[in-house]
Amino acid sequence: MKRSQLTPMPEYFDRYINLCDDVDLSVRFANKHRRIEHCVYGKM
């Protein structure tokens, strides 16, 4: 789900949600997983 797909935008959390890029969560998680692997295995 992308940020732009949130309708209606929750009132309180909108300030935090709007700080994020409008990228699909599955793409974002895949990118984070690669970065974590690089950090963990890069130091071994």
PDB file of N, CA and C in Angstrom:
ATOM      1  N   MET A   1       0.843  -1.177   0.000  1.00  0.00           N
ATOM      2  CA  MET A   1       0.000   0.000   0.000  1.00  0.00           C
ATOM      3  C   MET A   1       0.887   1.239   0.000  1.00  0.00           C
ATOM      4  N   LYS A   2       0.523   2.199  -0.799  1.00  0.00           N
ATOM      5  CA  LYS A   2       1.243   3.461  -0.863  1.00  0.00           C
ATOM      6  C   LYS A   2       0.564   4.494   0.021  1.00  0.00           C
ATOM      7  N   ARG A   3       1.335   5.498   0.395  1.00  0.00           N
ATOM      8  CA  ARG A   3       0.804   6.585   1.216  1.00  0.00           C
ATOM      9  C   ARG A   3      -0.379   7.246   0.526  1.00  0.00           C
ATOM     10  N   SER A   4      -0.313   7.407  -0.770  1.00  0.00           N
ATOM     11  CA  SER A   4      -1.388   8.073  -1.511  1.00  0.00           C
ATOM     12  C   SER A   4      -2.684   7.265  -1.508  1.00  0.00           C
ATOM     13  N   GLN A   5      -2.603   5.981  -1.148  1.00  0.00           N
ATOM     14  CA  GLN A   5      -3.796   5.133  -1.121  1.00  0.00           C
ATOM     15  C   GLN A   5      -4.540   5.215   0.210  1.00  0.00           C
ATOM     16  N   LEU A   6      -4.001   5.904   1.171  1.00  0.00           N
ATOM     17  CA  LEU A   6      -4.666   6.043   2.468  1.00  0.00           C
ATOM     18  C   LEU A   6      -5.755   7.103   2.375  1.00  0.00           C
ATOM     19  N   THR A   7      -6.985   6.641   2.360  1.00  0.00           N
ATOM     20  CA  THR A   7      -8.111   7.572   2.349  1.00  0.00           C
ATOM     21  C   THR A   7      -9.169   7.059   3.291  1.00  0.00           C
ATOM     22  N   PRO A   8      -9.649   7.815   4.194  1.00  0.00           N
ATOM     23  CA  PRO A   8      -9.165   9.150   4.546  1.00  0.00           C
ATOM     24  C   PRO A   8      -7.860   9.055   5.362  1.00  0.00           C
ATOM     25  N   MET A   9      -7.091  10.111   5.316  1.00  0.00           N
ATOM     26  CA  MET A   9      -5.837  10.172   6.067  1.00  0.00           C
ATOM     27  C   MET A   9      -6.166  10.338   7.554  1.00  0.00           C
ATOM     28  N   PRO A  10      -5.584   9.501   8.420  1.00  0.00           N
ATOM     29  CA  PRO A  10      -5.839   9.641   9.852  1.00  0.00           C
ATOM     30  C   PRO A  10      -5.370  11.007  10.352  1.00  0.00           C
ATOM     31  N   GLU A  11      -6.197  11.693  11.103  1.00  0.00           N
ATOM     32  CA  GLU A  11      -5.905  13.066  11.520  1.00  0.00           C
ATOM     33  C   GLU A  11      -4.585  13.199  12.280  1.00  0.00           C
ATOM     34  N   TYR A  12      -4.421  12.452  13.342  1.00  0.00           N
ATOM     35  CA  TYR A  12      -3.237  12.619  14.183  1.00  0.00           C
ATOM     36  C   TYR A  12      -1.965  12.146  13.495  1.00  0.00           C
ATOM     37  N   PHE A  13      -2.032  11.017  12.798  1.00  0.00           N
ATOM     38  CA  PHE A  13      -0.840  10.391  12.230  1.00  0.00           C
ATOM     39  C   PHE A  13      -0.443  10.965  10.875  1.00  0.00           C
ATOM     40  N   ASP A  14      -1.241  11.847  10.317  1.00  0.00           N
ATOM     41  CA  ASP A  14      -0.930  12.379   8.989  1.00  0.00           C
ATOM     42  C   ASP A  14       0.412  13.082   8.939  1.00  0.00           C
ATOM     43  N   ARG A  15       0.807  13.752  10.009  1.00  0.00           N
ATOM     44  CA  ARG A  15       2.109  14.457   9.997  1.00  0.00           C
ATOM     45  C   ARG A  15       3.269  13.479   9.869  1.00  0.00           C
ATOM     46  N   TYR A  16       3.138  12.306  10.440  1.00  0.00           N
ATOM     47  CA  TYR A  16       4.202  11.297  10.351  1.00  0.00           C
ATOM     48  C   TYR A  16       4.140  10.537   9.024  1.00  0.00           C
ATOM     49  N   ILE A  17       2.942  10.248   8.594  1.00  0.00           N
ATOM     50  CA  ILE A  17       2.762   9.539   7.328  1.00  0.00           C
ATOM     51  C   ILE A  17       3.290  10.385   6.175  1.00  0.00           C
ATOM     52  N   ASN A  18       3.066  11.686   6.230  1.00  0.00           N
ATOM     53  CA  ASN A  18       3.510  12.569   5.152  1.00  0.00           C
ATOM     54  C   ASN A  18       5.031  12.744   5.112  1.00  0.00           C
ATOM     55  N   LEU A  19       5.736  12.328   6.139  1.00  0.00           N
ATOM     56  CA  LEU A  19       7.200  12.374   6.128  1.00  0.00           C
ATOM     57  C   LEU A  19       7.801  11.246   5.291  1.00  0.00           C
ATOM     58  N   CYS A  20       7.006  10.229   5.012  1.00  0.00           N
ATOM     59  CA  CYS A  20       7.485   9.055   4.268  1.00  0.00           C
ATOM     60  C   CYS A  20       7.314   9.247   2.769  1.00  0.00           C
ATOM     61  N   ASP A  21       8.172   8.571   2.020  1.00  0.00           N
ATOM     62  CA  ASP A  21       8.037   8.558   0.563  1.00  0.00           C
ATOM     63  C   ASP A  21       6.783   7.783   0.176  1.00  0.00           C
ATOM     64  N   ASP A  22       6.249   8.097  -0.982  1.00  0.00           N
ATOM     65  CA  ASP A  22       5.055   7.413  -1.484  1.00  0.00           C
ATOM     66  C   ASP A  22       5.476   6.178  -2.278  1.00  0.00           C
ATOM     67  N   VAL A  23       6.010   5.181  -1.555  1.00  0.00           N
ATOM     68  CA  VAL A  23       6.526   3.950  -2.154  1.00  0.00           C
ATOM     69  C   VAL A  23       5.762   2.777  -1.563  1.00  0.00           C
ATOM     70  N   ASP A  24       5.530   1.758  -2.364  1.00  0.00           N
ATOM     71  CA  ASP A  24       4.842   0.563  -1.887  1.00  0.00           C
ATOM     72  C   ASP A  24       5.629  -0.066  -0.735  1.00  0.00           C
ATOM     73  N   LEU A  25       4.951  -0.499   0.290  1.00  0.00           N
ATOM     74  CA  LEU A  25       5.622  -1.052   1.471  1.00  0.00           C
ATOM     75  C   LEU A  25       6.455  -2.280   1.161  1.00  0.00           C
ATOM     76  N   SER A  26       6.003  -3.138   0.262  1.00  0.00           N
ATOM     77  CA  SER A  26       6.772  -4.338  -0.044  1.00  0.00           C
ATOM     78  C   SER A  26       8.117  -3.968  -0.681  1.00  0.00           C
ATOM     79  N   VAL A  27       8.145  -2.922  -1.494  1.00  0.00           N
ATOM     80  CA  VAL A  27       9.392  -2.440  -2.092  1.00  0.00           C
ATOM     81  C   VAL A  27      10.303  -1.884  -1.008  1.00  0.00           C
ATOM     82  N   ARG A  28       9.736  -1.109  -0.107  1.00  0.00           N
ATOM     83  CA  ARG A  28      10.510  -0.503   0.979  1.00  0.00           C
ATOM     84  C   ARG A  28      11.118  -1.575   1.880  1.00  0.00           C
ATOM     85  N   PHE A  29      10.335  -2.589   2.244  1.00  0.00           N
ATOM     86  CA  PHE A  29      10.849  -3.659   3.104  1.00  0.00           C
ATOM     87  C   PHE A  29      11.962  -4.439   2.410  1.00  0.00           C
ATOM     88  N   ALA A  30      11.821  -4.683   1.126  1.00  0.00           N
ATOM     89  CA  ALA A  30      12.858  -5.397   0.379  1.00  0.00           C
ATOM     90  C   ALA A  30      14.157  -4.595   0.378  1.00  0.00           C
ATOM     91  N   ASN A  31      14.069  -3.292   0.211  1.00  0.00           N
ATOM     92  CA  ASN A  31      15.261  -2.442   0.227  1.00  0.00           C
ATOM     93  C   ASN A  31      15.911  -2.434   1.604  1.00  0.00           C
ATOM     94  N   LYS A  32      15.128  -2.366   2.646  1.00  0.00           N
ATOM     95  CA  LYS A  32      15.676  -2.371   4.011  1.00  0.00           C
ATOM     96  C   LYS A  32      16.351  -3.697   4.305  1.00  0.00           C
ATOM     97  N   HIS A  33      15.762  -4.798   3.843  1.00  0.00           N
ATOM     98  CA  HIS A  33      16.333  -6.122   4.074  1.00  0.00           C
ATOM     99  C   HIS A  33      17.721  -6.206   3.440  1.00  0.00           C
ATOM    100  N   ARG A  34      17.860  -5.689   2.233  1.00  0.00           N
ATOM    101  CA  ARG A  34      19.168  -5.696   1.550  1.00  0.00           C
ATOM    102  C   ARG A  34      20.182  -4.854   2.306  1.00  0.00           C
ATOM    103  N   ARG A  35      19.764  -3.719   2.831  1.00  0.00           N
ATOM    104  CA  ARG A  35      20.673  -2.844   3.572  1.00  0.00           C
ATOM    105  C   ARG A  35      21.130  -3.500   4.870  1.00  0.00           C
ATOM    106  N   ILE A  36      20.217  -4.195   5.544  1.00  0.00           N
ATOM    107  CA  ILE A  36      20.563  -4.881   6.789  1.00  0.00           C
ATOM    108  C   ILE A  36      21.534  -6.014   6.504  1.00  0.00           C
ATOM    109  N   GLU A  37      21.281  -6.787   5.455  1.00  0.00           N
ATOM    110  CA  GLU A  37      22.198  -7.870   5.094  1.00  0.00           C
ATOM    111  C   GLU A  37      23.586  -7.322   4.802  1.00  0.00           C
ATOM    112  N   HIS A  38      23.655  -6.206   4.115  1.00  0.00           N
ATOM    113  CA  HIS A  38      24.944  -5.609   3.789  1.00  0.00           C
ATOM    114  C   HIS A  38      25.688  -5.210   5.066  1.00  0.00           C
ATOM    115  N   CYS A  39      24.982  -4.635   6.017  1.00  0.00           N
ATOM    116  CA  CYS A  39      25.603  -4.218   7.278  1.00  0.00           C
ATOM    117  C   CYS A  39      26.097  -5.424   8.084  1.00  0.00           C
ATOM    118  N   VAL A  40      25.272  -6.454   8.168  1.00  0.00           N
ATOM    119  CA  VAL A  40      25.599  -7.622   8.979  1.00  0.00           C
ATOM    120  C   VAL A  40      26.721  -8.419   8.334  1.00  0.00           C
ATOM    121  N   TYR A  41      26.575  -8.751   7.069  1.00  0.00           N
ATOM    122  CA  TYR A  41      27.544  -9.617   6.413  1.00  0.00           C
ATOM    123  C   TYR A  41      28.778  -8.843   5.923  1.00  0.00           C
ATOM    124  N   GLY A  42      28.641  -7.547   5.745  1.00  0.00           N
ATOM    125  CA  GLY A  42      29.775  -6.748   5.305  1.00  0.00           C
ATOM    126  C   GLY A  42      30.849  -6.613   6.367  1.00  0.00           C
ATOM    127  N   LYS A  43      30.477  -6.777   7.651  1.00  0.00           N
ATOM    128  CA  LYS A  43      31.424  -6.631   8.749  1.00  0.00           C
ATOM    129  C   LYS A  43      32.092  -7.937   9.139  1.00  0.00           C
ATOM    130  N   MET A  44      31.652  -9.048   8.552  1.00  0.00           N
ATOM    131  CA  MET A  44      32.220 -10.351   8.920  1.00  0.00           C
ATOM    132  C   MET A  44      33.482 -10.613   8.176  1.00  0.00           C
TER     133      MET A  44
END
